[in-house]
Structure formats: structure tokens, C-alpha cells
PDB file of N, CA and C in Angstrom:
ATOM      1  N   UNK A   1     -55.923  62.594-102.338  1.00  0.00           N
ATOM      2  CA  UNK A   1     -55.171  63.293-101.324  1.00  0.00           C
ATOM      3  C   UNK A   1     -55.807  62.993 -99.973  1.00  0.00           C
ATOM      4  N   UNK A   2     -55.033  62.398 -99.060  1.00  0.00           N
ATOM      5  CA  UNK A   2     -55.529  62.049 -97.729  1.00  0.00           C
ATOM      6  C   UNK A   2     -55.049  63.061 -96.700  1.00  0.00           C
ATOM      7  N   UNK A   3     -55.931  63.411 -95.775  1.00  0.00           N
ATOM      8  CA  UNK A   3     -55.604  64.305 -94.674  1.00  0.00           C
ATOM      9  C   UNK A   3     -55.653  63.505 -93.380  1.00  0.00           C
ATOM     10  N   UNK A   4     -54.589  63.573 -92.592  1.00  0.00           N
ATOM     11  CA  UNK A   4     -54.521  62.857 -91.323  1.00  0.00           C
ATOM     12  C   UNK A   4     -54.044  63.808 -90.238  1.00  0.00           C
ATOM     13  N   UNK A   5     -54.801  63.874 -89.143  1.00  0.00           N
ATOM     14  CA  UNK A   5     -54.392  64.697 -88.013  1.00  0.00           C
ATOM     15  C   UNK A   5     -53.481  63.887 -87.097  1.00  0.00           C
ATOM     16  N   UNK A   6     -52.400  64.525 -86.645  1.00  0.00           N
ATOM     17  CA  UNK A   6     -51.416  63.888 -85.766  1.00  0.00           C
ATOM     18  C   UNK A   6     -51.119  64.804 -84.588  1.00  0.00           C
ATOM     19  N   UNK A   7     -50.611  64.206 -83.518  1.00  0.00           N
ATOM     20  CA  UNK A   7     -50.114  64.946 -82.367  1.00  0.00           C
ATOM     21  C   UNK A   7     -48.660  64.559 -82.146  1.00  0.00           C
ATOM     22  N   UNK A   8     -47.895  65.479 -81.589  1.00  0.00           N
ATOM     23  CA  UNK A   8     -46.518  65.202 -81.185  1.00  0.00           C
ATOM     24  C   UNK A   8     -46.297  65.872 -79.839  1.00  0.00           C
ATOM     25  N   UNK A   9     -45.580  65.208 -78.955  1.00  0.00           N
ATOM     26  CA  UNK A   9     -45.279  65.816 -77.664  1.00  0.00           C
ATOM     27  C   UNK A   9     -43.858  65.475 -77.241  1.00  0.00           C
ATOM     28  N   UNK A  10     -43.331  66.281 -76.309  1.00  0.00           N
ATOM     29  CA  UNK A  10     -41.940  66.148 -75.922  1.00  0.00           C
ATOM     30  C   UNK A  10     -41.713  66.854 -74.597  1.00  0.00           C
ATOM     31  N   UNK A  11     -40.947  66.239 -73.690  1.00  0.00           N
ATOM     32  CA  UNK A  11     -40.431  66.924 -72.509  1.00  0.00           C
ATOM     33  C   UNK A  11     -39.146  67.611 -72.952  1.00  0.00           C
ATOM     34  N   UNK A  12     -39.144  68.927 -72.924  1.00  0.00           N
ATOM     35  CA  UNK A  12     -38.040  69.715 -73.465  1.00  0.00           C
ATOM     36  C   UNK A  12     -36.944  69.869 -72.415  1.00  0.00           C
ATOM     37  N   UNK A  13     -35.702  69.586 -72.811  1.00  0.00           N
ATOM     38  CA  UNK A  13     -34.542  69.763 -71.934  1.00  0.00           C
ATOM     39  C   UNK A  13     -33.569  70.732 -72.602  1.00  0.00           C
ATOM     40  N   UNK A  14     -32.397  70.884 -72.009  1.00  0.00           N
ATOM     41  CA  UNK A  14     -31.401  71.803 -72.570  1.00  0.00           C
ATOM     42  C   UNK A  14     -30.611  71.184 -73.727  1.00  0.00           C
ATOM     43  N   UNK A  15     -30.924  69.957 -74.092  1.00  0.00           N
ATOM     44  CA  UNK A  15     -30.331  69.330 -75.278  1.00  0.00           C
ATOM     45  C   UNK A  15     -31.315  69.446 -76.439  1.00  0.00           C
ATOM     46  N   UNK A  16     -30.821  69.799 -77.618  1.00  0.00           N
ATOM     47  CA  UNK A  16     -31.698  69.906 -78.782  1.00  0.00           C
ATOM     48  C   UNK A  16     -32.351  68.558 -79.065  1.00  0.00           C
ATOM     49  N   UNK A  17     -33.679  68.587 -79.267  1.00  0.00           N
ATOM     50  CA  UNK A  17     -34.439  67.376 -79.557  1.00  0.00           C
ATOM     51  C   UNK A  17     -35.394  67.648 -80.709  1.00  0.00           C
ATOM     52  N   UNK A  18     -35.696  66.616 -81.464  1.00  0.00           N
ATOM     53  CA  UNK A  18     -36.646  66.739 -82.562  1.00  0.00           C
ATOM     54  C   UNK A  18     -38.052  66.452 -82.042  1.00  0.00           C
ATOM     55  N   UNK A  19     -38.943  67.416 -82.210  1.00  0.00           N
ATOM     56  CA  UNK A  19     -40.341  67.239 -81.840  1.00  0.00           C
ATOM     57  C   UNK A  19     -41.085  66.467 -82.918  1.00  0.00           C
ATOM     58  N   UNK A  20     -40.817  66.819 -84.204  1.00  0.00           N
ATOM     59  CA  UNK A  20     -41.572  66.225 -85.306  1.00  0.00           C
ATOM     60  C   UNK A  20     -40.748  66.321 -86.577  1.00  0.00           C
ATOM     61  N   UNK A  21     -40.822  65.272 -87.384  1.00  0.00           N
ATOM     62  CA  UNK A  21     -40.238  65.269 -88.729  1.00  0.00           C
ATOM     63  C   UNK A  21     -41.317  64.863 -89.707  1.00  0.00           C
ATOM     64  N   UNK A  22     -41.489  65.643 -90.751  1.00  0.00           N
ATOM     65  CA  UNK A  22     -42.505  65.366 -91.761  1.00  0.00           C
ATOM     66  C   UNK A  22     -42.112  64.118 -92.560  1.00  0.00           C
ATOM     67  N   UNK A  23     -43.022  63.157 -92.681  1.00  0.00           N
ATOM     68  CA  UNK A  23     -42.702  61.920 -93.428  1.00  0.00           C
ATOM     69  C   UNK A  23     -42.481  62.173 -94.925  1.00  0.00           C
ATOM     70  N   UNK A  24     -41.877  61.201 -95.581  1.00  0.00           N
ATOM     71  CA  UNK A  24     -41.654  61.263 -97.032  1.00  0.00           C
ATOM     72  C   UNK A  24     -42.986  61.349 -97.761  1.00  0.00           C
ATOM     73  N   UNK A  25     -42.995  61.995 -98.903  1.00  0.00           N
ATOM     74  CA  UNK A  25     -44.187  62.135 -99.752  1.00  0.00           C
ATOM     75  C   UNK A  25     -45.359  62.765 -99.023  1.00  0.00           C
ATOM     76  N   UNK A  26     -45.057  63.678 -98.103  1.00  0.00           N
ATOM     77  CA  UNK A  26     -46.083  64.301 -97.268  1.00  0.00           C
ATOM     78  C   UNK A  26     -45.776  65.783 -97.104  1.00  0.00           C
ATOM     79  N   UNK A  27     -46.818  66.578 -96.994  1.00  0.00           N
ATOM     80  CA  UNK A  27     -46.719  67.960 -96.561  1.00  0.00           C
ATOM     81  C   UNK A  27     -47.445  68.038 -95.227  1.00  0.00           C
ATOM     82  N   UNK A  28     -46.881  68.748 -94.287  1.00  0.00           N
ATOM     83  CA  UNK A  28     -47.506  68.856 -92.966  1.00  0.00           C
ATOM     84  C   UNK A  28     -47.749  70.323 -92.631  1.00  0.00           C
ATOM     85  N   UNK A  29     -48.870  70.574 -91.962  1.00  0.00           N
ATOM     86  CA  UNK A  29     -49.198  71.906 -91.475  1.00  0.00           C
ATOM     87  C   UNK A  29     -49.271  71.826 -89.955  1.00  0.00           C
ATOM     88  N   UNK A  30     -48.386  72.555 -89.285  1.00  0.00           N
ATOM     89  CA  UNK A  30     -48.417  72.613 -87.827  1.00  0.00           C
ATOM     90  C   UNK A  30     -49.490  73.639 -87.465  1.00  0.00           C
ATOM     91  N   UNK A  31     -50.573  73.140 -86.891  1.00  0.00           N
ATOM     92  CA  UNK A  31     -51.722  73.979 -86.552  1.00  0.00           C
ATOM     93  C   UNK A  31     -51.487  74.693 -85.222  1.00  0.00           C
ATOM     94  N   UNK A  32     -50.899  73.982 -84.289  1.00  0.00           N
ATOM     95  CA  UNK A  32     -50.624  74.532 -82.971  1.00  0.00           C
ATOM     96  C   UNK A  32     -49.307  73.968 -82.473  1.00  0.00           C
ATOM     97  N   UNK A  33     -48.488  74.816 -81.874  1.00  0.00           N
ATOM     98  CA  UNK A  33     -47.238  74.399 -81.245  1.00  0.00           C
ATOM     99  C   UNK A  33     -47.180  75.100 -79.895  1.00  0.00           C
ATOM    100  N   UNK A  34     -47.544  74.363 -78.865  1.00  0.00           N
ATOM    101  CA  UNK A  34     -47.704  74.933 -77.525  1.00  0.00           C
ATOM    102  C   UNK A  34     -46.562  74.478 -76.625  1.00  0.00           C
ATOM    103  N   UNK A  35     -45.970  75.442 -75.923  1.00  0.00           N
ATOM    104  CA  UNK A  35     -44.931  75.173 -74.935  1.00  0.00           C
ATOM    105  C   UNK A  35     -45.519  75.523 -73.567  1.00  0.00           C
ATOM    106  N   UNK A  36     -45.506  74.556 -72.647  1.00  0.00           N
ATOM    107  CA  UNK A  36     -46.063  74.758 -71.316  1.00  0.00           C
ATOM    108  C   UNK A  36     -44.953  74.627 -70.285  1.00  0.00           C
ATOM    109  N   UNK A  37     -44.865  75.593 -69.387  1.00  0.00           N
ATOM    110  CA  UNK A  37     -43.914  75.527 -68.280  1.00  0.00           C
ATOM    111  C   UNK A  37     -44.655  74.953 -67.076  1.00  0.00           C
ATOM    112  N   UNK A  38     -44.325  73.726 -66.703  1.00  0.00           N
ATOM    113  CA  UNK A  38     -45.019  73.046 -65.608  1.00  0.00           C
ATOM    114  C   UNK A  38     -44.334  73.270 -64.261  1.00  0.00           C
ATOM    115  N   UNK A  39     -43.263  74.053 -64.238  1.00  0.00           N
ATOM    116  CA  UNK A  39     -42.594  74.373 -62.981  1.00  0.00           C
ATOM    117  C   UNK A  39     -43.411  75.435 -62.243  1.00  0.00           C
ATOM    118  N   UNK A  40     -43.580  75.278 -60.965  1.00  0.00           N
ATOM    119  CA  UNK A  40     -44.394  76.201 -60.177  1.00  0.00           C
ATOM    120  C   UNK A  40     -43.692  77.456 -59.732  1.00  0.00           C
ATOM    121  N   UNK A  41     -42.371  77.563 -59.965  1.00  0.00           N
ATOM    122  CA  UNK A  41     -41.691  78.745 -59.451  1.00  0.00           C
ATOM    123  C   UNK A  41     -40.569  79.294 -60.330  1.00  0.00           C
ATOM    124  N   UNK A  42     -40.194  78.615 -61.406  1.00  0.00           N
ATOM    125  CA  UNK A  42     -39.062  79.061 -62.222  1.00  0.00           C
ATOM    126  C   UNK A  42     -39.440  79.297 -63.677  1.00  0.00           C
ATOM    127  N   UNK A  43     -39.008  80.423 -64.200  1.00  0.00           N
ATOM    128  CA  UNK A  43     -39.145  80.723 -65.620  1.00  0.00           C
ATOM    129  C   UNK A  43     -38.083  79.933 -66.382  1.00  0.00           C
ATOM    130  N   UNK A  44     -38.427  79.477 -67.580  1.00  0.00           N
ATOM    131  CA  UNK A  44     -37.476  78.797 -68.457  1.00  0.00           C
ATOM    132  C   UNK A  44     -37.563  79.492 -69.818  1.00  0.00           C
ATOM    133  N   UNK A  45     -36.693  79.147 -70.748  1.00  0.00           N
ATOM    134  CA  UNK A  45     -36.804  79.720 -72.094  1.00  0.00           C
ATOM    135  C   UNK A  45     -36.738  78.614 -73.128  1.00  0.00           C
ATOM    136  N   UNK A  46     -37.212  78.954 -74.319  1.00  0.00           N
ATOM    137  CA  UNK A  46     -37.334  77.971 -75.394  1.00  0.00           C
ATOM    138  C   UNK A  46     -36.698  78.495 -76.679  1.00  0.00           C
ATOM    139  N   UNK A  47     -36.015  77.603 -77.382  1.00  0.00           N
ATOM    140  CA  UNK A  47     -35.588  77.849 -78.759  1.00  0.00           C
ATOM    141  C   UNK A  47     -36.329  76.827 -79.612  1.00  0.00           C
ATOM    142  N   UNK A  48     -37.020  77.304 -80.617  1.00  0.00           N
ATOM    143  CA  UNK A  48     -37.733  76.433 -81.556  1.00  0.00           C
ATOM    144  C   UNK A  48     -37.196  76.739 -82.946  1.00  0.00           C
ATOM    145  N   UNK A  49     -36.896  75.683 -83.698  1.00  0.00           N
ATOM    146  CA  UNK A  49     -36.208  75.858 -84.970  1.00  0.00           C
ATOM    147  C   UNK A  49     -36.836  74.979 -86.043  1.00  0.00           C
ATOM    148  N   UNK A  50     -37.065  75.560 -87.211  1.00  0.00           N
ATOM    149  CA  UNK A  50     -37.455  74.798 -88.398  1.00  0.00           C
ATOM    150  C   UNK A  50     -36.154  74.404 -89.083  1.00  0.00           C
ATOM    151  N   UNK A  51     -36.056  73.125 -89.455  1.00  0.00           N
ATOM    152  CA  UNK A  51     -34.863  72.631 -90.147  1.00  0.00           C
ATOM    153  C   UNK A  51     -35.308  72.007 -91.464  1.00  0.00           C
ATOM    154  N   UNK A  52     -34.758  72.511 -92.575  1.00  0.00           N
ATOM    155  CA  UNK A  52     -35.082  71.998 -93.899  1.00  0.00           C
ATOM    156  C   UNK A  52     -34.551  70.577 -94.051  1.00  0.00           C
ATOM    157  N   UNK A  53     -35.084  69.869 -95.012  1.00  0.00           N
ATOM    158  CA  UNK A  53     -34.698  68.473 -95.231  1.00  0.00           C
ATOM    159  C   UNK A  53     -33.203  68.302 -95.498  1.00  0.00           C
ATOM    160  N   UNK A  54     -32.530  69.344 -95.988  1.00  0.00           N
ATOM    161  CA  UNK A  54     -31.094  69.224 -96.247  1.00  0.00           C
ATOM    162  C   UNK A  54     -30.267  69.307 -94.958  1.00  0.00           C
ATOM    163  N   UNK A  55     -30.891  69.694 -93.856  1.00  0.00           N
ATOM    164  CA  UNK A  55     -30.221  69.739 -92.565  1.00  0.00           C
ATOM    165  C   UNK A  55     -29.377  70.967 -92.321  1.00  0.00           C
ATOM    166  N   UNK A  56     -29.082  71.731 -93.354  1.00  0.00           N
ATOM    167  CA  UNK A  56     -28.221  72.898 -93.166  1.00  0.00           C
ATOM    168  C   UNK A  56     -28.993  74.214 -93.201  1.00  0.00           C
ATOM    169  N   UNK A  57     -30.185  74.210 -93.769  1.00  0.00           N
ATOM    170  CA  UNK A  57     -31.007  75.416 -93.816  1.00  0.00           C
ATOM    171  C   UNK A  57     -31.919  75.415 -92.603  1.00  0.00           C
ATOM    172  N   UNK A  58     -31.833  76.489 -91.797  1.00  0.00           N
ATOM    173  CA  UNK A  58     -32.595  76.560 -90.551  1.00  0.00           C
ATOM    174  C   UNK A  58     -33.180  77.950 -90.383  1.00  0.00           C
ATOM    175  N   UNK A  59     -34.253  78.018 -89.601  1.00  0.00           N
ATOM    176  CA  UNK A  59     -34.841  79.305 -89.237  1.00  0.00           C
ATOM    177  C   UNK A  59     -35.456  79.167 -87.850  1.00  0.00           C
ATOM    178  N   UNK A  60     -35.226  80.160 -87.011  1.00  0.00           N
ATOM    179  CA  UNK A  60     -35.794  80.127 -85.667  1.00  0.00           C
ATOM    180  C   UNK A  60     -37.262  80.550 -85.690  1.00  0.00           C
ATOM    181  N   UNK A  61     -38.081  79.768 -85.029  1.00  0.00           N
ATOM    182  CA  UNK A  61     -39.481  80.134 -84.780  1.00  0.00           C
ATOM    183  C   UNK A  61     -39.571  80.906 -83.470  1.00  0.00           C
ATOM    184  N   UNK A  62     -38.647  80.611 -82.568  1.00  0.00           N
ATOM    185  CA  UNK A  62     -38.503  81.322 -81.294  1.00  0.00           C
ATOM    186  C   UNK A  62     -37.048  81.179 -80.880  1.00  0.00           C
ATOM    187  N   UNK A  63     -36.473  82.234 -80.314  1.00  0.00           N
ATOM    188  CA  UNK A  63     -35.077  82.185 -79.885  1.00  0.00           C
ATOM    189  C   UNK A  63     -34.972  82.691 -78.457  1.00  0.00           C
ATOM    190  N   UNK A  64     -34.761  81.774 -77.532  1.00  0.00           N
ATOM    191  CA  UNK A  64     -34.617  82.081 -76.115  1.00  0.00           C
ATOM    192  C   UNK A  64     -35.760  82.950 -75.598  1.00  0.00           C
ATOM    193  N   UNK A  65     -36.977  82.567 -75.945  1.00  0.00           N
ATOM    194  CA  UNK A  65     -38.174  83.269 -75.491  1.00  0.00           C
ATOM    195  C   UNK A  65     -38.537  82.728 -74.110  1.00  0.00           C
ATOM    196  N   UNK A  66     -38.734  83.629 -73.156  1.00  0.00           N
ATOM    197  CA  UNK A  66     -39.094  83.220 -71.801  1.00  0.00           C
ATOM    198  C   UNK A  66     -40.493  82.634 -71.750  1.00  0.00           C
ATOM    199  N   UNK A  67     -40.615  81.556 -70.995  1.00  0.00           N
ATOM    200  CA  UNK A  67     -41.904  80.943 -70.694  1.00  0.00           C
ATOM    201  C   UNK A  67     -42.034  81.009 -69.169  1.00  0.00           C
ATOM    202  N   UNK A  68     -42.814  81.948 -68.653  1.00  0.00           N
ATOM    203  CA  UNK A  68     -42.941  82.097 -67.201  1.00  0.00           C
ATOM    204  C   UNK A  68     -43.492  80.821 -66.555  1.00  0.00           C
ATOM    205  N   UNK A  69     -43.190  80.636 -65.259  1.00  0.00           N
ATOM    206  CA  UNK A  69     -43.679  79.452 -64.560  1.00  0.00           C
ATOM    207  C   UNK A  69     -45.211  79.404 -64.623  1.00  0.00           C
ATOM    208  N   UNK A  70     -45.723  78.175 -64.680  1.00  0.00           N
ATOM    209  CA  UNK A  70     -47.172  77.927 -64.728  1.00  0.00           C
ATOM    210  C   UNK A  70     -47.870  78.644 -65.878  1.00  0.00           C
ATOM    211  N   UNK A  71     -47.214  78.740 -67.042  1.00  0.00           N
ATOM    212  CA  UNK A  71     -47.845  79.424 -68.168  1.00  0.00           C
ATOM    213  C   UNK A  71     -47.611  78.678 -69.475  1.00  0.00           C
ATOM    214  N   UNK A  72     -48.266  79.178 -70.532  1.00  0.00           N
ATOM    215  CA  UNK A  72     -48.235  78.558 -71.853  1.00  0.00           C
ATOM    216  C   UNK A  72     -47.793  79.603 -72.881  1.00  0.00           C
ATOM    217  N   UNK A  73     -46.985  79.159 -73.847  1.00  0.00           N
ATOM    218  CA  UNK A  73     -46.583  79.989 -74.980  1.00  0.00           C
ATOM    219  C   UNK A  73     -47.015  79.275 -76.250  1.00  0.00           C
ATOM    220  N   UNK A  74     -47.811  79.926 -77.081  1.00  0.00           N
ATOM    221  CA  UNK A  74     -48.265  79.349 -78.355  1.00  0.00           C
ATOM    222  C   UNK A  74     -47.384  79.903 -79.465  1.00  0.00           C
ATOM    223  N   UNK A  75     -46.719  79.001 -80.211  1.00  0.00           N
ATOM    224  CA  UNK A  75     -45.793  79.421 -81.264  1.00  0.00           C
ATOM    225  C   UNK A  75     -46.382  79.356 -82.667  1.00  0.00           C
ATOM    226  N   UNK A  76     -47.539  78.730 -82.848  1.00  0.00           N
ATOM    227  CA  UNK A  76     -48.077  78.591 -84.202  1.00  0.00           C
ATOM    228  C   UNK A  76     -49.574  78.873 -84.270  1.00  0.00           C
ATOM    229  N   UNK A  77     -50.124  79.524 -83.295  1.00  0.00           N
ATOM    230  CA  UNK A  77     -51.569  79.719 -83.247  1.00  0.00           C
ATOM    231  C   UNK A  77     -52.122  80.652 -84.312  1.00  0.00           C
ATOM    232  N   UNK A  78     -51.479  81.783 -84.524  1.00  0.00           N
ATOM    233  CA  UNK A  78     -51.961  82.773 -85.488  1.00  0.00           C
ATOM    234  C   UNK A  78     -51.506  82.467 -86.910  1.00  0.00           C
ATOM    235  N   UNK A  79     -50.296  81.982 -87.047  1.00  0.00           N
ATOM    236  CA  UNK A  79     -49.771  81.648 -88.371  1.00  0.00           C
ATOM    237  C   UNK A  79     -49.322  80.194 -88.367  1.00  0.00           C
ATOM    238  N   UNK A  80     -49.701  79.466 -89.334  1.00  0.00           N
ATOM    239  CA  UNK A  80     -49.381  78.041 -89.418  1.00  0.00           C
ATOM    240  C   UNK A  80     -47.960  77.849 -89.948  1.00  0.00           C
ATOM    241  N   UNK A  81     -47.382  76.701 -89.623  1.00  0.00           N
ATOM    242  CA  UNK A  81     -46.042  76.361 -90.082  1.00  0.00           C
ATOM    243  C   UNK A  81     -46.177  75.212 -91.082  1.00  0.00           C
ATOM    244  N   UNK A  82     -45.685  75.409 -92.291  1.00  0.00           N
ATOM    245  CA  UNK A  82     -45.780  74.383 -93.332  1.00  0.00           C
ATOM    246  C   UNK A  82     -44.441  73.666 -93.431  1.00  0.00           C
ATOM    247  N   UNK A  83     -44.501  72.337 -93.376  1.00  0.00           N
ATOM    248  CA  UNK A  83     -43.297  71.517 -93.496  1.00  0.00           C
ATOM    249  C   UNK A  83     -43.395  70.648 -94.741  1.00  0.00           C
ATOM    250  N   UNK A  84     -42.319  70.585 -95.489  1.00  0.00           N
ATOM    251  CA  UNK A  84     -42.228  69.675 -96.617  1.00  0.00           C
ATOM    252  C   UNK A  84     -41.600  68.373 -96.140  1.00  0.00           C
ATOM    253  N   UNK A  85     -41.622  67.359 -96.976  1.00  0.00           N
ATOM    254  CA  UNK A  85     -41.070  66.052 -96.617  1.00  0.00           C
ATOM    255  C   UNK A  85     -39.666  66.188 -96.035  1.00  0.00           C
ATOM    256  N   UNK A  86     -39.442  65.561 -94.896  1.00  0.00           N
ATOM    257  CA  UNK A  86     -38.172  65.510 -94.162  1.00  0.00           C
ATOM    258  C   UNK A  86     -37.796  66.794 -93.443  1.00  0.00           C
ATOM    259  N   UNK A  87     -38.601  67.848 -93.530  1.00  0.00           N
ATOM    260  CA  UNK A  87     -38.386  69.026 -92.690  1.00  0.00           C
ATOM    261  C   UNK A  87     -38.725  68.644 -91.256  1.00  0.00           C
ATOM    262  N   UNK A  88     -38.134  69.352 -90.288  1.00  0.00           N
ATOM    263  CA  UNK A  88     -38.409  69.023 -88.891  1.00  0.00           C
ATOM    264  C   UNK A  88     -38.503  70.270 -88.022  1.00  0.00           C
ATOM    265  N   UNK A  89     -39.071  70.071 -86.836  1.00  0.00           N
ATOM    266  CA  UNK A  89     -39.126  71.091 -85.790  1.00  0.00           C
ATOM    267  C   UNK A  89     -38.264  70.578 -84.641  1.00  0.00           C
ATOM    268  N   UNK A  90     -37.281  71.388 -84.237  1.00  0.00           N
ATOM    269  CA  UNK A  90     -36.385  71.013 -83.142  1.00  0.00           C
ATOM    270  C   UNK A  90     -36.534  72.020 -82.009  1.00  0.00           C
ATOM    271  N   UNK A  91     -36.463  71.516 -80.772  1.00  0.00           N
ATOM    272  CA  UNK A  91     -36.660  72.354 -79.592  1.00  0.00           C
ATOM    273  C   UNK A  91     -35.502  72.195 -78.624  1.00  0.00           C
ATOM    274  N   UNK A  92     -35.152  73.307 -77.967  1.00  0.00           N
ATOM    275  CA  UNK A  92     -34.137  73.308 -76.921  1.00  0.00           C
ATOM    276  C   UNK A  92     -34.609  74.226 -75.811  1.00  0.00           C
ATOM    277  N   UNK A  93     -34.624  73.721 -74.587  1.00  0.00           N
ATOM    278  CA  UNK A  93     -34.976  74.536 -73.430  1.00  0.00           C
ATOM    279  C   UNK A  93     -33.736  75.111 -72.784  1.00  0.00           C
ATOM    280  N   UNK A  94     -33.952  76.052 -71.884  1.00  0.00           N
ATOM    281  CA  UNK A  94     -32.832  76.647 -71.167  1.00  0.00           C
ATOM    282  C   UNK A  94     -32.375  75.790 -70.002  1.00  0.00           C
ATOM    283  N   UNK A  95     -33.310  75.075 -69.369  1.00  0.00           N
ATOM    284  CA  UNK A  95     -32.993  74.248 -68.203  1.00  0.00           C
ATOM    285  C   UNK A  95     -32.963  72.779 -68.588  1.00  0.00           C
ATOM    286  N   UNK A  96     -32.126  72.026 -67.917  1.00  0.00           N
ATOM    287  CA  UNK A  96     -32.021  70.600 -68.207  1.00  0.00           C
ATOM    288  C   UNK A  96     -33.118  69.787 -67.534  1.00  0.00           C
ATOM    289  N   UNK A  97     -33.924  70.428 -66.711  1.00  0.00           N
ATOM    290  CA  UNK A  97     -34.893  69.737 -65.862  1.00  0.00           C
ATOM    291  C   UNK A  97     -36.087  69.147 -66.591  1.00  0.00           C
ATOM    292  N   UNK A  98     -36.385  69.611 -67.786  1.00  0.00           N
ATOM    293  CA  UNK A  98     -37.576  69.140 -68.484  1.00  0.00           C
ATOM    294  C   UNK A  98     -38.843  69.797 -67.971  1.00  0.00           C
ATOM    295  N   UNK A  99     -38.732  71.012 -67.418  1.00  0.00           N
ATOM    296  CA  UNK A  99     -39.908  71.732 -66.920  1.00  0.00           C
ATOM    297  C   UNK A  99     -40.792  72.258 -68.041  1.00  0.00           C
ATOM    298  N   UNK A 100     -40.269  72.268 -69.257  1.00  0.00           N
ATOM    299  CA  UNK A 100     -41.074  72.673 -70.400  1.00  0.00           C
ATOM    300  C   UNK A 100     -41.605  71.431 -71.100  1.00  0.00           C
ATOM    301  N   UNK A 101     -42.876  71.489 -71.471  1.00  0.00           N
ATOM    302  CA  UNK A 101     -43.490  70.417 -72.262  1.00  0.00           C
ATOM    303  C   UNK A 101     -43.986  71.017 -73.561  1.00  0.00           C
ATOM    304  N   UNK A 102     -43.748  70.314 -74.661  1.00  0.00           N
ATOM    305  CA  UNK A 102     -44.192  70.770 -75.976  1.00  0.00           C
ATOM    306  C   UNK A 102     -45.307  69.860 -76.469  1.00  0.00           C
ATOM    307  N   UNK A 103     -46.293  70.473 -77.113  1.00  0.00           N
ATOM    308  CA  UNK A 103     -47.388  69.706 -77.726  1.00  0.00           C
ATOM    309  C   UNK A 103     -47.713  70.368 -79.059  1.00  0.00           C
ATOM    310  N   UNK A 104     -47.776  69.561 -80.117  1.00  0.00           N
ATOM    311  CA  UNK A 104     -48.093  70.082 -81.452  1.00  0.00           C
ATOM    312  C   UNK A 104     -49.271  69.321 -82.034  1.00  0.00           C
ATOM    313  N   UNK A 105     -50.147  70.061 -82.695  1.00  0.00           N
ATOM    314  CA  UNK A 105     -51.223  69.488 -83.490  1.00  0.00           C
ATOM    315  C   UNK A 105     -50.858  69.703 -84.942  1.00  0.00           C
ATOM    316  N   UNK A 106     -50.893  68.621 -85.725  1.00  0.00           N
ATOM    317  CA  UNK A 106     -50.343  68.649 -87.077  1.00  0.00           C
ATOM    318  C   UNK A 106     -51.316  68.000 -88.052  1.00  0.00           C
ATOM    319  N   UNK A 107     -51.462  68.590 -89.222  1.00  0.00           N
ATOM    320  CA  UNK A 107     -52.235  68.008 -90.298  1.00  0.00           C
ATOM    321  C   UNK A 107     -51.260  67.517 -91.360  1.00  0.00           C
ATOM    322  N   UNK A 108     -51.255  66.205 -91.604  1.00  0.00           N
ATOM    323  CA  UNK A 108     -50.424  65.625 -92.657  1.00  0.00           C
ATOM    324  C   UNK A 108     -51.269  65.422 -93.907  1.00  0.00           C
ATOM    325  N   UNK A 109     -50.728  65.868 -95.054  1.00  0.00           N
ATOM    326  CA  UNK A 109     -51.417  65.774 -96.333  1.00  0.00           C
ATOM    327  C   UNK A 109     -50.571  64.893 -97.244  1.00  0.00           C
ATOM    328  N   UNK A 110     -51.156  63.765 -97.681  1.00  0.00           N
ATOM    329  CA  UNK A 110     -50.422  62.842 -98.566  1.00  0.00           C
ATOM    330  C   UNK A 110     -51.137  62.688 -99.879  1.00  0.00           C
TER     331      UNK A 110
END
């Protein structure tokens, strides 16, 4: 069993985007999922969603949670997120500007 640490990052916009998809024959543990608002004056909000490999089963990790300007929101710090093969994390911001940045630290187990 091999353990590999990975990072994923994304400029979040108002269009749903995939931050990370767990590879085949792998289990992944999201250790940290940080959303940073880099705008100096405007609050934005984030929707974060776990999507099962079948594509139809979903669960929100965050739903329109405000991220104040110049601040950070940690979505996985206290409790880890476990992904099975082909599961993914998808993000959608409230603003189209890309003022939110996402960064994830992930442990892949093969």
C-alpha cells in the first residue's frame, strides 16, 4: 500500500468546477480544503460539493457560506473527507471574478 501526498488548487468562479477527482484504484483523504478570499473589499460565498463516482449522488460540504474579504475558510480541518475512486470535489463561487482561491492537501492511498 503506497501513500502519496498531493495538492490541488483552483481559482473559483461562479461556474461549477472540479477541484479534485480521486484516481482509479485509489482512496483519497482530503486533509485540508482551504478557501481564501483574495479580494480586499468584497465578501464572496462558496458552495463545495462531494460527488460520488456515479455522478448522481451528491452532498454539500458547504452551501453558500460567506467568505469575508481578506479571509480564509477551512472546510476539512477538523474532520477529514474520504473519497473513493472517481469521487470528486466540486466548487462554485458566488462571483464570477475568481476572487476565491481553493487549495487542498490530499493523501492518496493505493
